[in-house]
Amino acid sequence: STWRLDGRKAPHWVAISGSDGECFYIHDPDPGEDQVPMDCQHVPITRKKFDQMRQYGQAKLRTAVILSRP
């Protein structure tokens, strides 16, 4: 959910474009009404905040698709 970013209460996919010891960097393919696409690229999210964001609703639904090279 992007509730912690923009107040929208909907399940939402983002791509993690990088990480370091403190943050994940996300790309959000669905910018808000007051944003331009460049505002949503490589956005730093603390690991603690990302952990809170990665679940949705009271049932705490979550999923992930992980891509890697062989």
C-alpha atoms as a PDB file:
ATOM      1  CA  SER A   1       0.000   0.000   0.000  1.00  0.00           C
ATOM      2  CA  THR A   2       1.199   3.521  -0.701  1.00  0.00           C
ATOM      3  CA  TRP A   3      -0.796   4.942   2.209  1.00  0.00           C
ATOM      4  CA  ARG A   4       2.416   6.000   3.974  1.00  0.00           C
ATOM      5  CA  LEU A   5       3.579   7.827   0.837  1.00  0.00           C
ATOM      6  CA  ASP A   6       0.501   9.507  -0.582  1.00  0.00           C
ATOM      7  CA  GLY A   7      -2.569   8.588   1.484  1.00  0.00           C
ATOM      8  CA  ARG A   8      -4.083   6.256  -1.107  1.00  0.00           C
ATOM      9  CA  LYS A   9      -5.585   3.080   0.349  1.00  0.00           C
ATOM     10  CA  ALA A  10      -5.114   0.566  -2.424  1.00  0.00           C
ATOM     11  CA  PRO A  11      -2.824  -2.362  -3.048  1.00  0.00           C
ATOM     12  CA  HIS A  12       0.004  -1.162  -5.204  1.00  0.00           C
ATOM     13  CA  TRP A  13       3.035  -2.556  -7.021  1.00  0.00           C
ATOM     14  CA  VAL A  14       6.409  -0.839  -6.981  1.00  0.00           C
ATOM     15  CA  ALA A  15       9.785  -1.950  -8.287  1.00  0.00           C
ATOM     16  CA  ILE A  16      12.820  -1.889  -6.020  1.00  0.00           C
ATOM     17  CA  SER A  17      15.553  -0.259  -8.072  1.00  0.00           C
ATOM     18  CA  GLY A  18      18.319  -0.476  -5.470  1.00  0.00           C
ATOM     19  CA  SER A  19      19.196  -0.716  -1.795  1.00  0.00           C
ATOM     20  CA  ASP A  20      21.853   0.132   0.741  1.00  0.00           C
ATOM     21  CA  GLY A  21      22.241  -0.413   4.473  1.00  0.00           C
ATOM     22  CA  GLU A  22      19.525   2.109   5.345  1.00  0.00           C
ATOM     23  CA  CYS A  23      17.059   2.308   2.447  1.00  0.00           C
ATOM     24  CA  PHE A  24      15.364   0.579  -0.414  1.00  0.00           C
ATOM     25  CA  TYR A  25      14.986   2.726  -3.520  1.00  0.00           C
ATOM     26  CA  ILE A  26      11.681   2.264  -5.310  1.00  0.00           C
ATOM     27  CA  HIS A  27      10.219   3.149  -8.670  1.00  0.00           C
ATOM     28  CA  ASP A  28       6.483   3.851  -8.474  1.00  0.00           C
ATOM     29  CA  PRO A  29       4.774   3.302 -11.852  1.00  0.00           C
ATOM     30  CA  ASP A  30       1.583   5.099 -10.717  1.00  0.00           C
ATOM     31  CA  PRO A  31       2.335   8.736  -9.821  1.00  0.00           C
ATOM     32  CA  GLY A  32      -0.231  10.694  -7.824  1.00  0.00           C
ATOM     33  CA  GLU A  33      -2.249  13.516  -9.365  1.00  0.00           C
ATOM     34  CA  ASP A  34       0.218  16.173  -8.202  1.00  0.00           C
ATOM     35  CA  GLN A  35       3.344  14.259  -9.265  1.00  0.00           C
ATOM     36  CA  VAL A  36       5.250  13.861 -12.492  1.00  0.00           C
ATOM     37  CA  PRO A  37       6.873  10.515 -13.354  1.00  0.00           C
ATOM     38  CA  MET A  38      10.349  11.789 -12.424  1.00  0.00           C
ATOM     39  CA  ASP A  39       9.107  12.338  -8.846  1.00  0.00           C
ATOM     40  CA  CYS A  40       8.564   8.587  -8.552  1.00  0.00           C
ATOM     41  CA  GLN A  41      11.943   7.212  -9.623  1.00  0.00           C
ATOM     42  CA  HIS A  42      14.541   5.900  -7.160  1.00  0.00           C
ATOM     43  CA  VAL A  43      12.566   7.162  -4.149  1.00  0.00           C
ATOM     44  CA  PRO A  44      14.427   6.319  -0.898  1.00  0.00           C
ATOM     45  CA  ILE A  45      12.320   4.427   1.656  1.00  0.00           C
ATOM     46  CA  THR A  46      13.865   3.444   4.986  1.00  0.00           C
ATOM     47  CA  ARG A  47      13.918  -0.280   5.592  1.00  0.00           C
ATOM     48  CA  LYS A  48      11.608   0.161   8.608  1.00  0.00           C
ATOM     49  CA  LYS A  49       9.085   2.161   6.587  1.00  0.00           C
ATOM     50  CA  PHE A  50       9.286  -0.329   3.702  1.00  0.00           C
ATOM     51  CA  ASP A  51       8.522  -3.171   6.112  1.00  0.00           C
ATOM     52  CA  GLN A  52       5.358  -1.304   7.171  1.00  0.00           C
ATOM     53  CA  MET A  53       4.418  -0.542   3.560  1.00  0.00           C
ATOM     54  CA  ARG A  54       4.808  -4.068   2.219  1.00  0.00           C
ATOM     55  CA  GLN A  55       1.553  -5.320   3.704  1.00  0.00           C
ATOM     56  CA  TYR A  56      -2.020  -4.333   2.908  1.00  0.00           C
ATOM     57  CA  GLY A  57      -5.147  -4.222   5.030  1.00  0.00           C
ATOM     58  CA  GLN A  58      -6.057  -5.921   8.273  1.00  0.00           C
ATOM     59  CA  ALA A  59      -5.244  -9.317   6.776  1.00  0.00           C
ATOM     60  CA  LYS A  60      -1.726  -7.964   6.090  1.00  0.00           C
ATOM     61  CA  LEU A  61      -1.724  -9.270   2.527  1.00  0.00           C
ATOM     62  CA  ARG A  62       1.606  -9.185   0.757  1.00  0.00           C
ATOM     63  CA  THR A  63       3.351 -10.644  -2.247  1.00  0.00           C
ATOM     64  CA  ALA A  64       6.609 -10.269  -4.131  1.00  0.00           C
ATOM     65  CA  VAL A  65       8.016 -11.116  -7.526  1.00  0.00           C
ATOM     66  CA  ILE A  66      11.788 -11.476  -7.461  1.00  0.00           C
ATOM     67  CA  LEU A  67      13.820 -11.430 -10.652  1.00  0.00           C
ATOM     68  CA  SER A  68      17.455 -12.448 -10.799  1.00  0.00           C
ATOM     69  CA  ARG A  69      20.052 -13.468 -13.309  1.00  0.00           C
ATOM     70  CA  PRO A  70      20.993 -17.166 -13.515  1.00  0.00           C
END
